[in-house]
């Protein structure tokens, strides 16, 4: 039994090392930092939540934990392993009570929510409104689902799972993630993690789409602050960063607004449209970019 447990633990660690080699751990950690609130995984370590994400789910529990919420593991489902600390109590001659000491880790099998059936979970009862351009995501075979937020993030796009998760009913959040999906279709594969070019493209495209579908610009200040945040790692001002990616953003927008056409080819950069957000004459813009 001990040898079997050690083998499982070794497999888990080797999996982590392999994912580091493949370069997708930063993305996994980014999503794992914000677990679904009030689920067992929200109390797990970051390592275990990362293992959960790379196993392809955002909610995983043990067999009995699923049973407690009225759900049951489907026959033939395969578990994956997380690591739970194992403590022992070591009695000291000078102390009255035993002091718990970490003695190692235990391999604990858990099952993905996708491998269960039964009563709906609290976060599955969240409903999204009818969002503009939802048909684009459908045409691209991207699933869009509501997720509970925790005030630190509003949504995500997973290029591996072809999935958009929204913790907000705002169109701007959906448009931001849809823009990421468009970038993947044009570029082939997005860079792992929070790349400043990709984020500025998505935010500029979202602001532009809000204006195109007739929504107000109530989030324009937030758009600017978001872009400003991602230019901190560069030597550019937000305005300069937008200019660098303006041509590619136009192509991303063209793909979203007419998704039945073959996707255009993007250049190396990525972003933005000529709207009142950054009031430049077209001639000025062309001269700035060169």
C-alpha atoms as a PDB file:
ATOM      1  CA  UNK A   1       0.000   0.000   0.000  1.00  0.00           C
ATOM      2  CA  UNK A   2       2.776   2.424   0.915  1.00  0.00           C
ATOM      3  CA  UNK A   3       4.586   1.715  -2.340  1.00  0.00           C
ATOM      4  CA  UNK A   4       1.383   2.362  -4.312  1.00  0.00           C
ATOM      5  CA  UNK A   5       0.866   5.715  -2.578  1.00  0.00           C
ATOM      6  CA  UNK A   6       4.464   6.713  -3.202  1.00  0.00           C
ATOM      7  CA  UNK A   7       4.029   5.832  -6.878  1.00  0.00           C
ATOM      8  CA  UNK A   8       0.952   8.051  -7.153  1.00  0.00           C
ATOM      9  CA  UNK A   9       2.693  10.939  -5.448  1.00  0.00           C
ATOM     10  CA  UNK A  10       5.640  10.528  -7.787  1.00  0.00           C
ATOM     11  CA  UNK A  11       3.302  10.577 -10.782  1.00  0.00           C
ATOM     12  CA  UNK A  12       1.697  13.794  -9.560  1.00  0.00           C
ATOM     13  CA  UNK A  13       5.055  15.511  -9.134  1.00  0.00           C
ATOM     14  CA  UNK A  14       6.310  14.265 -12.493  1.00  0.00           C
ATOM     15  CA  UNK A  15       3.148  15.653 -14.094  1.00  0.00           C
ATOM     16  CA  UNK A  16       3.846  19.070 -12.579  1.00  0.00           C
ATOM     17  CA  UNK A  17       7.442  18.989 -13.838  1.00  0.00           C
ATOM     18  CA  UNK A  18       6.260  18.018 -17.323  1.00  0.00           C
ATOM     19  CA  UNK A  19       3.784  20.875 -17.394  1.00  0.00           C
ATOM     20  CA  UNK A  20       6.551  23.279 -16.425  1.00  0.00           C
ATOM     21  CA  UNK A  21       8.523  21.943 -19.392  1.00  0.00           C
ATOM     22  CA  UNK A  22       5.558  22.465 -21.713  1.00  0.00           C
ATOM     23  CA  UNK A  23       5.192  26.036 -20.471  1.00  0.00           C
ATOM     24  CA  UNK A  24       1.509  26.044 -19.482  1.00  0.00           C
ATOM     25  CA  UNK A  25       1.906  26.126 -15.703  1.00  0.00           C
ATOM     26  CA  UNK A  26       1.743  29.963 -15.546  1.00  0.00           C
ATOM     27  CA  UNK A  27      -1.717  29.869 -17.156  1.00  0.00           C
ATOM     28  CA  UNK A  28      -2.823  27.089 -14.811  1.00  0.00           C
ATOM     29  CA  UNK A  29      -1.645  29.043 -11.774  1.00  0.00           C
ATOM     30  CA  UNK A  30      -3.370  32.186 -13.005  1.00  0.00           C
ATOM     31  CA  UNK A  31      -6.737  30.450 -13.148  1.00  0.00           C
ATOM     32  CA  UNK A  32      -6.119  28.381 -10.025  1.00  0.00           C
ATOM     33  CA  UNK A  33      -5.496  31.508  -7.964  1.00  0.00           C
ATOM     34  CA  UNK A  34      -9.211  32.289  -8.155  1.00  0.00           C
ATOM     35  CA  UNK A  35     -11.170  29.110  -7.302  1.00  0.00           C
ATOM     36  CA  UNK A  36     -14.957  28.892  -7.197  1.00  0.00           C
ATOM     37  CA  UNK A  37     -15.930  30.197  -3.740  1.00  0.00           C
ATOM     38  CA  UNK A  38     -17.512  27.893  -1.161  1.00  0.00           C
ATOM     39  CA  UNK A  39     -16.274  24.688  -2.766  1.00  0.00           C
ATOM     40  CA  UNK A  40     -13.836  22.195  -1.205  1.00  0.00           C
ATOM     41  CA  UNK A  41     -11.170  23.275  -3.715  1.00  0.00           C
ATOM     42  CA  UNK A  42     -11.339  26.873  -2.455  1.00  0.00           C
ATOM     43  CA  UNK A  43      -9.617  25.619   0.698  1.00  0.00           C
ATOM     44  CA  UNK A  44      -6.984  23.584  -1.129  1.00  0.00           C
ATOM     45  CA  UNK A  45      -3.404  24.635  -1.604  1.00  0.00           C
ATOM     46  CA  UNK A  46      -2.438  26.419  -4.816  1.00  0.00           C
ATOM     47  CA  UNK A  47      -0.587  23.274  -5.896  1.00  0.00           C
ATOM     48  CA  UNK A  48      -3.718  21.129  -5.628  1.00  0.00           C
ATOM     49  CA  UNK A  49      -5.870  23.721  -7.392  1.00  0.00           C
ATOM     50  CA  UNK A  50      -3.278  23.823 -10.178  1.00  0.00           C
ATOM     51  CA  UNK A  51      -3.476  20.032 -10.438  1.00  0.00           C
ATOM     52  CA  UNK A  52      -7.245  20.392 -10.681  1.00  0.00           C
ATOM     53  CA  UNK A  53      -7.005  22.946 -13.490  1.00  0.00           C
ATOM     54  CA  UNK A  54      -4.560  20.936 -15.595  1.00  0.00           C
ATOM     55  CA  UNK A  55      -6.864  17.937 -15.119  1.00  0.00           C
ATOM     56  CA  UNK A  56      -9.485  19.928 -17.008  1.00  0.00           C
ATOM     57  CA  UNK A  57     -11.955  21.056 -14.352  1.00  0.00           C
ATOM     58  CA  UNK A  58     -12.735  23.902 -11.950  1.00  0.00           C
ATOM     59  CA  UNK A  59     -14.421  21.733  -9.308  1.00  0.00           C
ATOM     60  CA  UNK A  60     -13.247  18.388  -7.962  1.00  0.00           C
ATOM     61  CA  UNK A  61     -14.185  16.441  -4.832  1.00  0.00           C
ATOM     62  CA  UNK A  62     -13.901  13.074  -3.215  1.00  0.00           C
ATOM     63  CA  UNK A  63     -16.579  10.405  -3.706  1.00  0.00           C
ATOM     64  CA  UNK A  64     -18.250  11.132  -0.368  1.00  0.00           C
ATOM     65  CA  UNK A  65     -18.073  14.889  -0.849  1.00  0.00           C
ATOM     66  CA  UNK A  66     -20.035  14.573  -4.076  1.00  0.00           C
ATOM     67  CA  UNK A  67     -22.574  12.361  -2.343  1.00  0.00           C
ATOM     68  CA  UNK A  68     -23.086  15.016   0.356  1.00  0.00           C
ATOM     69  CA  UNK A  69     -24.325  17.520  -2.252  1.00  0.00           C
ATOM     70  CA  UNK A  70     -26.573  15.022  -4.003  1.00  0.00           C
ATOM     71  CA  UNK A  71     -24.278  14.118  -6.858  1.00  0.00           C
ATOM     72  CA  UNK A  72     -22.813  10.762  -7.783  1.00  0.00           C
ATOM     73  CA  UNK A  73     -19.741   9.732  -9.739  1.00  0.00           C
ATOM     74  CA  UNK A  74     -20.584   8.188 -13.090  1.00  0.00           C
ATOM     75  CA  UNK A  75     -19.637   4.561 -13.572  1.00  0.00           C
ATOM     76  CA  UNK A  76     -16.243   4.155 -15.224  1.00  0.00           C
ATOM     77  CA  UNK A  77     -15.010   7.657 -14.339  1.00  0.00           C
ATOM     78  CA  UNK A  78     -11.306   8.029 -13.634  1.00  0.00           C
ATOM     79  CA  UNK A  79     -10.103  10.007 -10.637  1.00  0.00           C
ATOM     80  CA  UNK A  80      -7.021  12.201 -10.489  1.00  0.00           C
ATOM     81  CA  UNK A  81      -4.779  12.683  -7.477  1.00  0.00           C
ATOM     82  CA  UNK A  82      -4.172  15.603  -5.170  1.00  0.00           C
ATOM     83  CA  UNK A  83      -1.773  15.712  -2.239  1.00  0.00           C
ATOM     84  CA  UNK A  84      -3.018  16.057   1.341  1.00  0.00           C
ATOM     85  CA  UNK A  85      -0.613  16.752   4.235  1.00  0.00           C
ATOM     86  CA  UNK A  86      -0.179  13.976   6.804  1.00  0.00           C
ATOM     87  CA  UNK A  87       0.477  15.077  10.377  1.00  0.00           C
ATOM     88  CA  UNK A  88       1.607  13.025  13.342  1.00  0.00           C
ATOM     89  CA  UNK A  89       1.649  14.031  16.988  1.00  0.00           C
ATOM     90  CA  UNK A  90       4.990  13.910  18.708  1.00  0.00           C
ATOM     91  CA  UNK A  91       4.848  14.023  22.462  1.00  0.00           C
ATOM     92  CA  UNK A  92       7.603  16.023  24.115  1.00  0.00           C
ATOM     93  CA  UNK A  93       8.718  15.379  27.672  1.00  0.00           C
ATOM     94  CA  UNK A  94       8.521  19.102  28.444  1.00  0.00           C
ATOM     95  CA  UNK A  95       5.085  19.612  26.953  1.00  0.00           C
ATOM     96  CA  UNK A  96       1.674  18.511  28.149  1.00  0.00           C
ATOM     97  CA  UNK A  97       0.081  18.324  24.715  1.00  0.00           C
ATOM     98  CA  UNK A  98       1.348  16.624  21.593  1.00  0.00           C
ATOM     99  CA  UNK A  99       2.559  18.942  18.857  1.00  0.00           C
ATOM    100  CA  UNK A 100       1.442  18.055  15.292  1.00  0.00           C
ATOM    101  CA  UNK A 101       4.353  17.591  12.911  1.00  0.00           C
ATOM    102  CA  UNK A 102       4.192  17.309   9.128  1.00  0.00           C
ATOM    103  CA  UNK A 103       5.254  13.771   8.296  1.00  0.00           C
ATOM    104  CA  UNK A 104       4.632  13.751   4.570  1.00  0.00           C
ATOM    105  CA  UNK A 105       1.783  13.732   2.094  1.00  0.00           C
ATOM    106  CA  UNK A 106      -1.037  11.382   1.167  1.00  0.00           C
ATOM    107  CA  UNK A 107      -2.320  10.756  -2.344  1.00  0.00           C
ATOM    108  CA  UNK A 108      -6.062  11.508  -2.351  1.00  0.00           C
ATOM    109  CA  UNK A 109      -8.287  10.547  -5.316  1.00  0.00           C
ATOM    110  CA  UNK A 110     -10.854  13.130  -6.430  1.00  0.00           C
ATOM    111  CA  UNK A 111     -13.333  13.280  -9.308  1.00  0.00           C
ATOM    112  CA  UNK A 112     -14.169  16.107 -11.698  1.00  0.00           C
ATOM    113  CA  UNK A 113     -17.618  17.680 -11.631  1.00  0.00           C
ATOM    114  CA  UNK A 114     -17.925  16.741 -15.308  1.00  0.00           C
ATOM    115  CA  UNK A 115     -17.793  13.076 -14.235  1.00  0.00           C
ATOM    116  CA  UNK A 116     -20.741  13.391 -11.855  1.00  0.00           C
ATOM    117  CA  UNK A 117     -24.517  13.632 -12.179  1.00  0.00           C
ATOM    118  CA  UNK A 118     -27.350  14.534  -9.845  1.00  0.00           C
ATOM    119  CA  UNK A 119     -28.541  17.709  -8.127  1.00  0.00           C
ATOM    120  CA  UNK A 120     -27.449  21.052  -9.629  1.00  0.00           C
ATOM    121  CA  UNK A 121     -24.771  22.912  -7.703  1.00  0.00           C
ATOM    122  CA  UNK A 122     -25.305  26.435  -6.404  1.00  0.00           C
ATOM    123  CA  UNK A 123     -22.969  28.021  -8.954  1.00  0.00           C
ATOM    124  CA  UNK A 124     -24.648  26.148 -11.818  1.00  0.00           C
ATOM    125  CA  UNK A 125     -27.879  28.050 -11.138  1.00  0.00           C
ATOM    126  CA  UNK A 126     -26.344  31.346 -12.260  1.00  0.00           C
ATOM    127  CA  UNK A 127     -27.919  32.558 -15.515  1.00  0.00           C
ATOM    128  CA  UNK A 128     -26.444  34.845 -18.138  1.00  0.00           C
ATOM    129  CA  UNK A 129     -28.521  37.398 -20.065  1.00  0.00           C
ATOM    130  CA  UNK A 130     -28.817  37.347 -23.835  1.00  0.00           C
ATOM    131  CA  UNK A 131     -25.489  38.916 -24.777  1.00  0.00           C
ATOM    132  CA  UNK A 132     -24.818  40.517 -28.175  1.00  0.00           C
ATOM    133  CA  UNK A 133     -22.527  38.493 -30.457  1.00  0.00           C
ATOM    134  CA  UNK A 134     -23.140  35.285 -28.520  1.00  0.00           C
ATOM    135  CA  UNK A 135     -23.786  33.668 -31.909  1.00  0.00           C
ATOM    136  CA  UNK A 136     -20.142  34.272 -32.797  1.00  0.00           C
ATOM    137  CA  UNK A 137     -18.954  32.094 -29.914  1.00  0.00           C
ATOM    138  CA  UNK A 138     -21.482  29.447 -30.922  1.00  0.00           C
ATOM    139  CA  UNK A 139     -20.285  29.527 -34.523  1.00  0.00           C
ATOM    140  CA  UNK A 140     -16.723  29.004 -33.284  1.00  0.00           C
ATOM    141  CA  UNK A 141     -17.835  26.068 -31.067  1.00  0.00           C
ATOM    142  CA  UNK A 142     -16.856  27.959 -27.909  1.00  0.00           C
ATOM    143  CA  UNK A 143     -18.994  27.257 -24.862  1.00  0.00           C
ATOM    144  CA  UNK A 144     -19.994  30.232 -22.717  1.00  0.00           C
ATOM    145  CA  UNK A 145     -20.916  29.591 -19.093  1.00  0.00           C
ATOM    146  CA  UNK A 146     -21.595  31.596 -15.973  1.00  0.00           C
ATOM    147  CA  UNK A 147     -19.126  31.249 -13.128  1.00  0.00           C
ATOM    148  CA  UNK A 148     -19.208  32.722  -9.616  1.00  0.00           C
ATOM    149  CA  UNK A 149     -16.787  35.593  -9.172  1.00  0.00           C
ATOM    150  CA  UNK A 150     -14.816  36.615  -6.110  1.00  0.00           C
ATOM    151  CA  UNK A 151     -14.278  40.325  -6.902  1.00  0.00           C
ATOM    152  CA  UNK A 152     -10.792  39.671  -8.292  1.00  0.00           C
ATOM    153  CA  UNK A 153     -11.624  38.565 -11.806  1.00  0.00           C
ATOM    154  CA  UNK A 154     -14.572  38.860 -14.170  1.00  0.00           C
ATOM    155  CA  UNK A 155     -14.006  36.135 -16.709  1.00  0.00           C
ATOM    156  CA  UNK A 156     -11.592  33.979 -18.654  1.00  0.00           C
ATOM    157  CA  UNK A 157     -11.035  32.364 -22.021  1.00  0.00           C
ATOM    158  CA  UNK A 158      -9.467  28.903 -22.098  1.00  0.00           C
ATOM    159  CA  UNK A 159      -8.030  28.171 -25.524  1.00  0.00           C
ATOM    160  CA  UNK A 160      -7.434  24.512 -24.633  1.00  0.00           C
ATOM    161  CA  UNK A 161     -11.003  23.869 -23.498  1.00  0.00           C
ATOM    162  CA  UNK A 162     -12.580  26.313 -25.995  1.00  0.00           C
ATOM    163  CA  UNK A 163     -14.520  27.861 -23.166  1.00  0.00           C
ATOM    164  CA  UNK A 164     -15.460  31.334 -21.939  1.00  0.00           C
ATOM    165  CA  UNK A 165     -16.332  31.714 -18.264  1.00  0.00           C
ATOM    166  CA  UNK A 166     -18.158  34.862 -17.174  1.00  0.00           C
ATOM    167  CA  UNK A 167     -18.529  36.110 -13.610  1.00  0.00           C
ATOM    168  CA  UNK A 168     -20.238  39.264 -14.841  1.00  0.00           C
ATOM    169  CA  UNK A 169     -23.326  40.049 -16.910  1.00  0.00           C
ATOM    170  CA  UNK A 170     -21.615  43.039 -18.535  1.00  0.00           C
ATOM    171  CA  UNK A 171     -21.243  42.884 -22.312  1.00  0.00           C
ATOM    172  CA  UNK A 172     -17.747  44.386 -22.036  1.00  0.00           C
ATOM    173  CA  UNK A 173     -16.480  41.351 -20.118  1.00  0.00           C
ATOM    174  CA  UNK A 174     -17.863  38.939 -22.713  1.00  0.00           C
ATOM    175  CA  UNK A 175     -16.451  41.035 -25.557  1.00  0.00           C
ATOM    176  CA  UNK A 176     -12.993  41.000 -23.912  1.00  0.00           C
ATOM    177  CA  UNK A 177     -12.939  37.203 -23.743  1.00  0.00           C
ATOM    178  CA  UNK A 178     -14.437  36.855 -27.221  1.00  0.00           C
ATOM    179  CA  UNK A 179     -11.603  39.041 -28.509  1.00  0.00           C
ATOM    180  CA  UNK A 180      -9.109  36.596 -26.982  1.00  0.00           C
ATOM    181  CA  UNK A 181     -10.874  33.789 -28.838  1.00  0.00           C
ATOM    182  CA  UNK A 182     -10.599  35.773 -32.069  1.00  0.00           C
ATOM    183  CA  UNK A 183      -6.887  36.299 -31.460  1.00  0.00           C
ATOM    184  CA  UNK A 184      -6.408  32.559 -31.142  1.00  0.00           C
ATOM    185  CA  UNK A 185      -8.190  31.912 -34.428  1.00  0.00           C
ATOM    186  CA  UNK A 186      -6.019  34.480 -36.183  1.00  0.00           C
ATOM    187  CA  UNK A 187      -2.667  33.840 -34.482  1.00  0.00           C
ATOM    188  CA  UNK A 188      -2.979  30.082 -34.076  1.00  0.00           C
ATOM    189  CA  UNK A 189      -2.167  29.996 -30.371  1.00  0.00           C
ATOM    190  CA  UNK A 190      -2.103  32.634 -27.663  1.00  0.00           C
ATOM    191  CA  UNK A 191       0.945  33.189 -25.511  1.00  0.00           C
ATOM    192  CA  UNK A 192       0.736  31.678 -22.052  1.00  0.00           C
ATOM    193  CA  UNK A 193      -0.007  33.985 -19.164  1.00  0.00           C
ATOM    194  CA  UNK A 194      -0.981  37.654 -19.311  1.00  0.00           C
ATOM    195  CA  UNK A 195       0.785  39.027 -22.383  1.00  0.00           C
ATOM    196  CA  UNK A 196       0.464  42.809 -22.556  1.00  0.00           C
ATOM    197  CA  UNK A 197      -0.199  42.896 -26.283  1.00  0.00           C
ATOM    198  CA  UNK A 198      -2.941  40.303 -26.079  1.00  0.00           C
ATOM    199  CA  UNK A 199      -4.592  41.998 -23.109  1.00  0.00           C
ATOM    200  CA  UNK A 200      -4.589  45.434 -24.722  1.00  0.00           C
ATOM    201  CA  UNK A 201      -6.050  43.987 -27.903  1.00  0.00           C
ATOM    202  CA  UNK A 202      -8.851  42.334 -25.984  1.00  0.00           C
ATOM    203  CA  UNK A 203      -9.659  45.456 -23.961  1.00  0.00           C
ATOM    204  CA  UNK A 204      -9.588  47.807 -26.939  1.00  0.00           C
ATOM    205  CA  UNK A 205     -11.705  45.423 -28.972  1.00  0.00           C
ATOM    206  CA  UNK A 206     -14.198  45.186 -26.098  1.00  0.00           C
ATOM    207  CA  UNK A 207     -14.488  48.983 -25.847  1.00  0.00           C
ATOM    208  CA  UNK A 208     -14.986  49.217 -29.602  1.00  0.00           C
ATOM    209  CA  UNK A 209     -17.612  46.470 -29.704  1.00  0.00           C
ATOM    210  CA  UNK A 210     -19.565  48.194 -26.934  1.00  0.00           C
ATOM    211  CA  UNK A 211     -19.818  51.285 -29.130  1.00  0.00           C
ATOM    212  CA  UNK A 212     -20.661  49.292 -32.255  1.00  0.00           C
ATOM    213  CA  UNK A 213     -23.584  47.443 -30.620  1.00  0.00           C
ATOM    214  CA  UNK A 214     -24.866  50.709 -29.183  1.00  0.00           C
ATOM    215  CA  UNK A 215     -23.840  50.354 -25.564  1.00  0.00           C
ATOM    216  CA  UNK A 216     -22.759  53.348 -23.519  1.00  0.00           C
ATOM    217  CA  UNK A 217     -19.117  54.028 -22.708  1.00  0.00           C
ATOM    218  CA  UNK A 218     -19.640  53.819 -18.941  1.00  0.00           C
ATOM    219  CA  UNK A 219     -16.623  51.523 -18.656  1.00  0.00           C
ATOM    220  CA  UNK A 220     -14.257  53.713 -20.671  1.00  0.00           C
ATOM    221  CA  UNK A 221     -12.352  54.776 -17.561  1.00  0.00           C
ATOM    222  CA  UNK A 222     -11.940  51.148 -16.544  1.00  0.00           C
ATOM    223  CA  UNK A 223     -10.773  50.318 -20.066  1.00  0.00           C
ATOM    224  CA  UNK A 224      -8.047  52.924 -19.782  1.00  0.00           C
ATOM    225  CA  UNK A 225      -6.934  51.792 -16.317  1.00  0.00           C
ATOM    226  CA  UNK A 226      -6.802  48.190 -17.511  1.00  0.00           C
ATOM    227  CA  UNK A 227      -4.612  49.137 -20.458  1.00  0.00           C
ATOM    228  CA  UNK A 228      -2.464  51.376 -18.252  1.00  0.00           C
ATOM    229  CA  UNK A 229      -1.829  48.425 -15.931  1.00  0.00           C
ATOM    230  CA  UNK A 230      -0.483  46.280 -18.771  1.00  0.00           C
ATOM    231  CA  UNK A 231       1.847  48.988 -20.065  1.00  0.00           C
ATOM    232  CA  UNK A 232       3.679  49.202 -16.725  1.00  0.00           C
ATOM    233  CA  UNK A 233       6.091  46.477 -17.847  1.00  0.00           C
ATOM    234  CA  UNK A 234       6.946  48.369 -21.055  1.00  0.00           C
ATOM    235  CA  UNK A 235       8.506  51.723 -21.846  1.00  0.00           C
ATOM    236  CA  UNK A 236       5.308  52.846 -23.523  1.00  0.00           C
ATOM    237  CA  UNK A 237       2.457  55.079 -22.494  1.00  0.00           C
ATOM    238  CA  UNK A 238      -1.046  53.578 -22.834  1.00  0.00           C
ATOM    239  CA  UNK A 239      -1.564  55.721 -25.928  1.00  0.00           C
ATOM    240  CA  UNK A 240       1.684  54.503 -27.547  1.00  0.00           C
ATOM    241  CA  UNK A 241       0.897  50.873 -26.716  1.00  0.00           C
ATOM    242  CA  UNK A 242      -2.486  51.206 -28.397  1.00  0.00           C
ATOM    243  CA  UNK A 243      -0.911  52.630 -31.529  1.00  0.00           C
ATOM    244  CA  UNK A 244       1.485  49.709 -31.755  1.00  0.00           C
ATOM    245  CA  UNK A 245      -1.330  47.206 -31.932  1.00  0.00           C
ATOM    246  CA  UNK A 246      -4.055  49.164 -33.688  1.00  0.00           C
ATOM    247  CA  UNK A 247      -3.840  47.423 -37.064  1.00  0.00           C
ATOM    248  CA  UNK A 248      -4.136  43.962 -35.599  1.00  0.00           C
ATOM    249  CA  UNK A 249      -7.080  44.929 -33.415  1.00  0.00           C
ATOM    250  CA  UNK A 250      -8.928  46.049 -36.524  1.00  0.00           C
ATOM    251  CA  UNK A 251      -8.433  42.592 -37.999  1.00  0.00           C
ATOM    252  CA  UNK A 252      -9.590  40.902 -34.806  1.00  0.00           C
ATOM    253  CA  UNK A 253     -12.717  43.070 -34.870  1.00  0.00           C
ATOM    254  CA  UNK A 254     -13.303  42.267 -38.527  1.00  0.00           C
ATOM    255  CA  UNK A 255     -13.206  38.564 -37.714  1.00  0.00           C
ATOM    256  CA  UNK A 256     -15.705  38.940 -34.876  1.00  0.00           C
ATOM    257  CA  UNK A 257     -18.120  41.106 -36.846  1.00  0.00           C
ATOM    258  CA  UNK A 258     -18.056  38.848 -39.909  1.00  0.00           C
ATOM    259  CA  UNK A 259     -17.036  35.465 -38.572  1.00  0.00           C
ATOM    260  CA  UNK A 260     -18.222  33.557 -41.646  1.00  0.00           C
ATOM    261  CA  UNK A 261     -15.354  34.929 -43.714  1.00  0.00           C
ATOM    262  CA  UNK A 262     -11.943  33.208 -43.645  1.00  0.00           C
ATOM    263  CA  UNK A 263      -9.904  34.718 -40.809  1.00  0.00           C
ATOM    264  CA  UNK A 264      -7.458  37.425 -41.897  1.00  0.00           C
ATOM    265  CA  UNK A 265      -3.768  37.119 -41.233  1.00  0.00           C
ATOM    266  CA  UNK A 266      -2.474  39.192 -38.323  1.00  0.00           C
ATOM    267  CA  UNK A 267       0.972  40.671 -38.089  1.00  0.00           C
ATOM    268  CA  UNK A 268       3.167  40.205 -35.025  1.00  0.00           C
ATOM    269  CA  UNK A 269       1.453  42.803 -32.854  1.00  0.00           C
ATOM    270  CA  UNK A 270      -2.163  42.808 -31.702  1.00  0.00           C
ATOM    271  CA  UNK A 271      -4.839  45.603 -31.199  1.00  0.00           C
ATOM    272  CA  UNK A 272      -7.222  48.588 -31.493  1.00  0.00           C
ATOM    273  CA  UNK A 273      -9.780  50.549 -33.413  1.00  0.00           C
ATOM    274  CA  UNK A 274     -10.046  54.205 -34.306  1.00  0.00           C
ATOM    275  CA  UNK A 275     -12.818  55.320 -31.985  1.00  0.00           C
ATOM    276  CA  UNK A 276     -13.396  58.396 -29.881  1.00  0.00           C
ATOM    277  CA  UNK A 277     -11.546  56.625 -27.087  1.00  0.00           C
ATOM    278  CA  UNK A 278      -8.309  57.809 -28.754  1.00  0.00           C
ATOM    279  CA  UNK A 279      -9.363  60.622 -31.130  1.00  0.00           C
ATOM    280  CA  UNK A 280      -6.826  60.611 -33.937  1.00  0.00           C
ATOM    281  CA  UNK A 281      -7.397  61.284 -37.571  1.00  0.00           C
ATOM    282  CA  UNK A 282      -6.727  58.237 -39.745  1.00  0.00           C
ATOM    283  CA  UNK A 283      -3.859  60.054 -41.448  1.00  0.00           C
ATOM    284  CA  UNK A 284      -2.281  60.853 -38.072  1.00  0.00           C
ATOM    285  CA  UNK A 285      -2.565  57.239 -36.961  1.00  0.00           C
ATOM    286  CA  UNK A 286      -0.900  55.933 -40.100  1.00  0.00           C
ATOM    287  CA  UNK A 287       1.913  58.434 -39.715  1.00  0.00           C
ATOM    288  CA  UNK A 288       2.432  57.482 -36.049  1.00  0.00           C
ATOM    289  CA  UNK A 289       2.652  53.786 -36.853  1.00  0.00           C
ATOM    290  CA  UNK A 290       4.632  54.142 -40.007  1.00  0.00           C
END
